[in-house]
């Protein structure tokens, strides 16, 4: 299993314009400044572009934190 967290963290830093942002698997909209619904759309789009994957709406609704996102990305990237 690859470690996507550092790469995903860089995308978050760009989207949220927070160069010192540090993510953990437990990070979520509740504890990352400025992570609102509009930022979420921008973030998903940036991740899809960066990693050349696509998420279905139903998949995104089930995500609770960055760890869930990373797990879903692993599945997408391995198929």
C-alpha atoms as a PDB file:
ATOM      1  CA  UNK A   1       0.000   0.000   0.000  1.00  0.00           C
ATOM      2  CA  UNK A   2       1.517   3.315  -1.036  1.00  0.00           C
ATOM      3  CA  UNK A   3       1.601   6.342   1.214  1.00  0.00           C
ATOM      4  CA  UNK A   4      -0.561   8.941  -0.518  1.00  0.00           C
ATOM      5  CA  UNK A   5      -0.804  11.284   2.462  1.00  0.00           C
ATOM      6  CA  UNK A   6       2.206  13.501   1.563  1.00  0.00           C
ATOM      7  CA  UNK A   7       0.967  13.976  -2.017  1.00  0.00           C
ATOM      8  CA  UNK A   8      -2.610  14.622  -0.921  1.00  0.00           C
ATOM      9  CA  UNK A   9      -1.354  17.043   1.725  1.00  0.00           C
ATOM     10  CA  UNK A  10       0.305  19.103  -1.017  1.00  0.00           C
ATOM     11  CA  UNK A  11      -3.013  19.321  -2.895  1.00  0.00           C
ATOM     12  CA  UNK A  12      -4.757  20.439   0.301  1.00  0.00           C
ATOM     13  CA  UNK A  13      -2.067  23.077   0.898  1.00  0.00           C
ATOM     14  CA  UNK A  14      -2.591  24.515  -2.586  1.00  0.00           C
ATOM     15  CA  UNK A  15      -6.401  24.437  -2.469  1.00  0.00           C
ATOM     16  CA  UNK A  16      -6.624  25.960   0.996  1.00  0.00           C
ATOM     17  CA  UNK A  17      -3.631  28.287   0.462  1.00  0.00           C
ATOM     18  CA  UNK A  18      -2.085  27.023   3.684  1.00  0.00           C
ATOM     19  CA  UNK A  19       1.554  26.092   2.976  1.00  0.00           C
ATOM     20  CA  UNK A  20       2.087  24.796   6.520  1.00  0.00           C
ATOM     21  CA  UNK A  21      -1.057  22.657   6.720  1.00  0.00           C
ATOM     22  CA  UNK A  22      -0.336  19.252   8.244  1.00  0.00           C
ATOM     23  CA  UNK A  23      -2.886  16.495   7.622  1.00  0.00           C
ATOM     24  CA  UNK A  24      -3.477  13.247   9.441  1.00  0.00           C
ATOM     25  CA  UNK A  25      -5.836  10.415   8.596  1.00  0.00           C
ATOM     26  CA  UNK A  26      -8.210  11.947  11.174  1.00  0.00           C
ATOM     27  CA  UNK A  27      -8.269  15.417   9.554  1.00  0.00           C
ATOM     28  CA  UNK A  28     -11.734  16.497   8.427  1.00  0.00           C
ATOM     29  CA  UNK A  29     -13.780  19.565   7.543  1.00  0.00           C
ATOM     30  CA  UNK A  30     -14.389  19.976  11.267  1.00  0.00           C
ATOM     31  CA  UNK A  31     -10.715  20.617  12.030  1.00  0.00           C
ATOM     32  CA  UNK A  32      -9.230  22.090   8.817  1.00  0.00           C
ATOM     33  CA  UNK A  33      -9.719  25.844   8.489  1.00  0.00           C
ATOM     34  CA  UNK A  34     -11.789  26.999   5.486  1.00  0.00           C
ATOM     35  CA  UNK A  35     -12.881  23.479   4.473  1.00  0.00           C
ATOM     36  CA  UNK A  36     -16.426  24.334   3.464  1.00  0.00           C
ATOM     37  CA  UNK A  37     -18.652  22.967   0.707  1.00  0.00           C
ATOM     38  CA  UNK A  38     -17.135  25.149  -2.026  1.00  0.00           C
ATOM     39  CA  UNK A  39     -13.594  24.288  -0.981  1.00  0.00           C
ATOM     40  CA  UNK A  40     -14.605  20.621  -0.913  1.00  0.00           C
ATOM     41  CA  UNK A  41     -15.666  20.755  -4.576  1.00  0.00           C
ATOM     42  CA  UNK A  42     -12.395  22.460  -5.519  1.00  0.00           C
ATOM     43  CA  UNK A  43     -10.444  19.912  -3.492  1.00  0.00           C
ATOM     44  CA  UNK A  44     -12.153  16.901  -5.097  1.00  0.00           C
ATOM     45  CA  UNK A  45     -11.578  18.346  -8.557  1.00  0.00           C
ATOM     46  CA  UNK A  46      -7.899  19.005  -7.806  1.00  0.00           C
ATOM     47  CA  UNK A  47      -7.404  15.470  -6.479  1.00  0.00           C
ATOM     48  CA  UNK A  48      -9.153  13.963  -9.504  1.00  0.00           C
ATOM     49  CA  UNK A  49      -6.892  15.983 -11.819  1.00  0.00           C
ATOM     50  CA  UNK A  50      -3.672  15.309  -9.923  1.00  0.00           C
ATOM     51  CA  UNK A  51      -4.216  11.560  -9.584  1.00  0.00           C
ATOM     52  CA  UNK A  52      -6.220  11.022 -12.796  1.00  0.00           C
ATOM     53  CA  UNK A  53      -9.129   9.353 -10.999  1.00  0.00           C
ATOM     54  CA  UNK A  54     -12.870  10.028 -10.786  1.00  0.00           C
ATOM     55  CA  UNK A  55     -15.126   9.822  -7.765  1.00  0.00           C
ATOM     56  CA  UNK A  56     -18.829   9.020  -7.865  1.00  0.00           C
ATOM     57  CA  UNK A  57     -21.056  11.266  -5.753  1.00  0.00           C
ATOM     58  CA  UNK A  58     -22.148   8.347  -3.572  1.00  0.00           C
ATOM     59  CA  UNK A  59     -18.538   7.521  -2.772  1.00  0.00           C
ATOM     60  CA  UNK A  60     -17.842  11.053  -1.570  1.00  0.00           C
ATOM     61  CA  UNK A  61     -20.930  11.176   0.646  1.00  0.00           C
ATOM     62  CA  UNK A  62     -19.579   8.303   2.735  1.00  0.00           C
ATOM     63  CA  UNK A  63     -16.200   9.917   3.481  1.00  0.00           C
ATOM     64  CA  UNK A  64     -15.762  11.103   7.066  1.00  0.00           C
ATOM     65  CA  UNK A  65     -12.089  12.164   7.079  1.00  0.00           C
ATOM     66  CA  UNK A  66      -8.838  12.215   5.134  1.00  0.00           C
ATOM     67  CA  UNK A  67      -8.179   8.574   6.030  1.00  0.00           C
ATOM     68  CA  UNK A  68     -11.409   7.513   4.305  1.00  0.00           C
ATOM     69  CA  UNK A  69     -10.390   9.597   1.273  1.00  0.00           C
ATOM     70  CA  UNK A  70      -6.967   7.959   1.143  1.00  0.00           C
ATOM     71  CA  UNK A  71      -8.508   4.480   1.387  1.00  0.00           C
ATOM     72  CA  UNK A  72     -10.890   5.260  -1.478  1.00  0.00           C
ATOM     73  CA  UNK A  73      -8.039   6.672  -3.546  1.00  0.00           C
ATOM     74  CA  UNK A  74      -6.033   3.476  -2.987  1.00  0.00           C
ATOM     75  CA  UNK A  75      -8.935   1.453  -4.381  1.00  0.00           C
ATOM     76  CA  UNK A  76      -9.304   3.762  -7.387  1.00  0.00           C
ATOM     77  CA  UNK A  77      -5.581   3.789  -8.148  1.00  0.00           C
ATOM     78  CA  UNK A  78      -5.211   0.022  -7.884  1.00  0.00           C
ATOM     79  CA  UNK A  79      -8.018  -0.755 -10.352  1.00  0.00           C
END
